[in-house]
Amino acid sequence: KFAMVAPDVQIDDGKGTILISSEEGETEANNHRKLSDFGIRNGSRLQADDFLQDYTLLINVLHSEDLEKDVEFEVVGDTPERIGPKPSEPTSRNISNGSDDGAQPSTSTGNQQ
C-alpha cells in the first residue's frame, strides 16, 4: 500500500522493537504474528523507513468497527502539499546608495594624475 521497496518498520515507542526488517531473515518469525502480539493497539505509532528511496512514514494505528465486510484495514492520510516551485516573489529592484531612481553606479575611468 505504501510502495516501499525495502522497508524497516519499528514501533515508535523508544524501545526500537523491529517488526519488519529489510535484512533478509531478520524478522521472519514475526510474519505470522498479529500487531496485538507486540502490544500495538488503538493509538500506537509505527515508523516505516525505506532507505533505498529515502522515504519515511509515521503510521498512526486507529481501531475501527466501521470497515466494510472482508476489509481488514484502511489507509487514510493527509496528502502532502503540492511539490514544485514556490509562487514567484515580487522582483526586487536594484537600489544603490539608498535611492531607487534608476541611477546606476559610475563606470567611467578618468585619467588620474
Protein backbone atom coordinates (compact mmCIF):
# COMPACT_ATOMS: atom_id res chain seq x y z
CA LYS A 1 0.00 0.00 0.00
CA PHE A 2 2.90 2.40 0.66
CA ALA A 3 5.10 1.48 -2.36
CA MET A 4 8.15 0.76 -0.23
CA VAL A 5 10.96 -1.30 -1.76
CA ALA A 6 12.93 -2.44 1.30
CA PRO A 7 11.08 -1.25 4.41
CA ASP A 8 12.18 -1.34 8.01
CA VAL A 9 9.24 -0.95 10.39
CA GLN A 10 9.58 -0.40 14.11
CA ILE A 11 7.28 0.52 16.94
CA ASP A 12 7.72 4.21 17.70
CA ASP A 13 7.89 3.69 21.47
CA GLY A 14 11.53 4.48 22.19
CA LYS A 15 12.46 0.79 22.56
CA GLY A 16 13.19 0.21 18.86
CA THR A 17 11.19 -3.02 18.51
CA ILE A 18 11.58 -4.00 14.85
CA LEU A 19 8.53 -5.60 13.21
CA ILE A 20 9.77 -5.76 9.62
CA SER A 21 13.39 -5.62 8.51
CA SER A 22 14.89 -5.12 5.07
CA GLU A 23 17.62 -7.57 6.19
CA GLU A 24 16.61 -10.97 4.81
CA GLY A 25 15.53 -13.43 7.51
CA GLU A 26 15.90 -10.99 10.40
CA THR A 27 12.18 -10.74 11.23
CA GLU A 28 10.70 -13.82 9.52
CA ALA A 29 9.44 -15.04 12.92
CA ASN A 30 7.12 -12.00 13.01
CA ASN A 31 5.31 -12.86 9.76
CA HIS A 32 2.61 -14.99 11.42
CA ARG A 33 2.12 -12.70 14.41
CA LYS A 34 -0.60 -10.08 14.81
CA LEU A 35 0.10 -6.46 15.72
CA SER A 36 -1.63 -7.03 19.06
CA ASP A 37 1.05 -9.65 19.88
CA PHE A 38 3.50 -6.72 20.03
CA GLY A 39 1.23 -4.57 22.22
CA ILE A 40 0.12 -2.44 19.29
CA ARG A 41 -3.41 -1.16 19.72
CA ASN A 42 -5.53 1.91 19.06
CA GLY A 43 -3.27 4.96 19.27
CA SER A 44 0.02 3.12 18.72
CA ARG A 45 2.51 4.57 16.29
CA LEU A 46 4.84 2.86 13.83
CA GLN A 47 7.79 4.27 11.91
CA ALA A 48 8.47 2.86 8.45
CA ASP A 49 11.72 3.71 6.67
CA ASP A 50 12.78 2.81 3.15
CA PHE A 51 16.48 3.63 2.94
CA LEU A 52 16.62 2.86 -0.80
CA GLN A 53 14.08 5.58 -1.54
CA ASP A 54 14.98 7.99 1.29
CA TYR A 55 11.35 7.64 2.35
CA THR A 56 9.95 7.64 5.92
CA LEU A 57 6.36 7.29 7.14
CA LEU A 58 4.88 7.68 10.59
CA ILE A 59 1.84 5.44 10.86
CA ASN A 60 -0.85 6.01 13.48
CA VAL A 61 -2.83 2.86 14.22
CA LEU A 62 -6.51 3.56 14.86
CA HIS A 63 -9.10 0.89 15.64
CA SER A 64 -12.35 0.99 13.68
CA GLU A 65 -15.50 -1.12 13.78
CA ASP A 66 -16.84 0.57 10.61
CA LEU A 67 -14.85 -1.30 7.95
CA GLU A 68 -16.73 -2.91 5.10
CA LYS A 69 -17.13 -6.68 5.01
CA ASP A 70 -13.89 -8.57 4.23
CA VAL A 71 -11.83 -5.35 4.60
CA GLU A 72 -9.06 -5.84 7.16
CA PHE A 73 -7.61 -2.34 7.17
CA GLU A 74 -7.89 1.05 5.56
CA VAL A 75 -5.12 3.51 4.77
CA VAL A 76 -6.13 7.09 5.46
CA GLY A 77 -3.83 10.07 5.47
CA ASP A 78 -3.14 13.64 4.65
CA THR A 79 -1.84 14.24 1.17
CA PRO A 80 1.42 16.16 1.09
CA GLU A 81 1.44 19.71 -0.14
CA ARG A 82 1.92 20.03 -3.88
CA ILE A 83 5.58 19.76 -4.63
CA GLY A 84 7.00 22.19 -7.10
CA PRO A 85 8.35 25.69 -7.40
CA LYS A 86 7.16 28.17 -4.85
CA PRO A 87 4.97 31.00 -6.10
CA SER A 88 7.12 33.73 -7.55
CA GLU A 89 8.01 36.52 -5.21
CA PRO A 90 7.83 40.13 -6.36
CA THR A 91 11.00 41.06 -8.14
CA SER A 92 13.20 43.34 -6.11
CA ARG A 93 14.69 46.39 -7.70
CA ASN A 94 18.39 47.12 -7.52
CA ILE A 95 18.81 50.05 -5.15
CA SER A 96 22.15 51.86 -4.95
CA ASN A 97 23.06 54.31 -2.22
CA GLY A 98 19.55 54.24 -0.79
CA SER A 99 17.97 55.64 -3.96
CA ASP A 100 15.64 53.81 -6.29
CA ASP A 101 15.66 56.46 -9.03
CA GLY A 102 17.26 54.06 -11.50
CA ALA A 103 20.67 55.73 -11.36
CA GLN A 104 23.50 53.31 -11.98
CA PRO A 105 26.91 53.47 -10.38
CA SER A 106 29.57 55.28 -12.40
CA THR A 107 31.72 53.11 -14.59
CA SER A 108 33.84 55.85 -16.13
CA THR A 109 37.58 55.63 -15.93
CA GLY A 110 39.11 59.07 -15.84
CA ASN A 111 42.75 59.95 -16.17
CA GLN A 112 44.15 60.37 -12.73
CA GLN A 113 47.25 62.49 -12.48
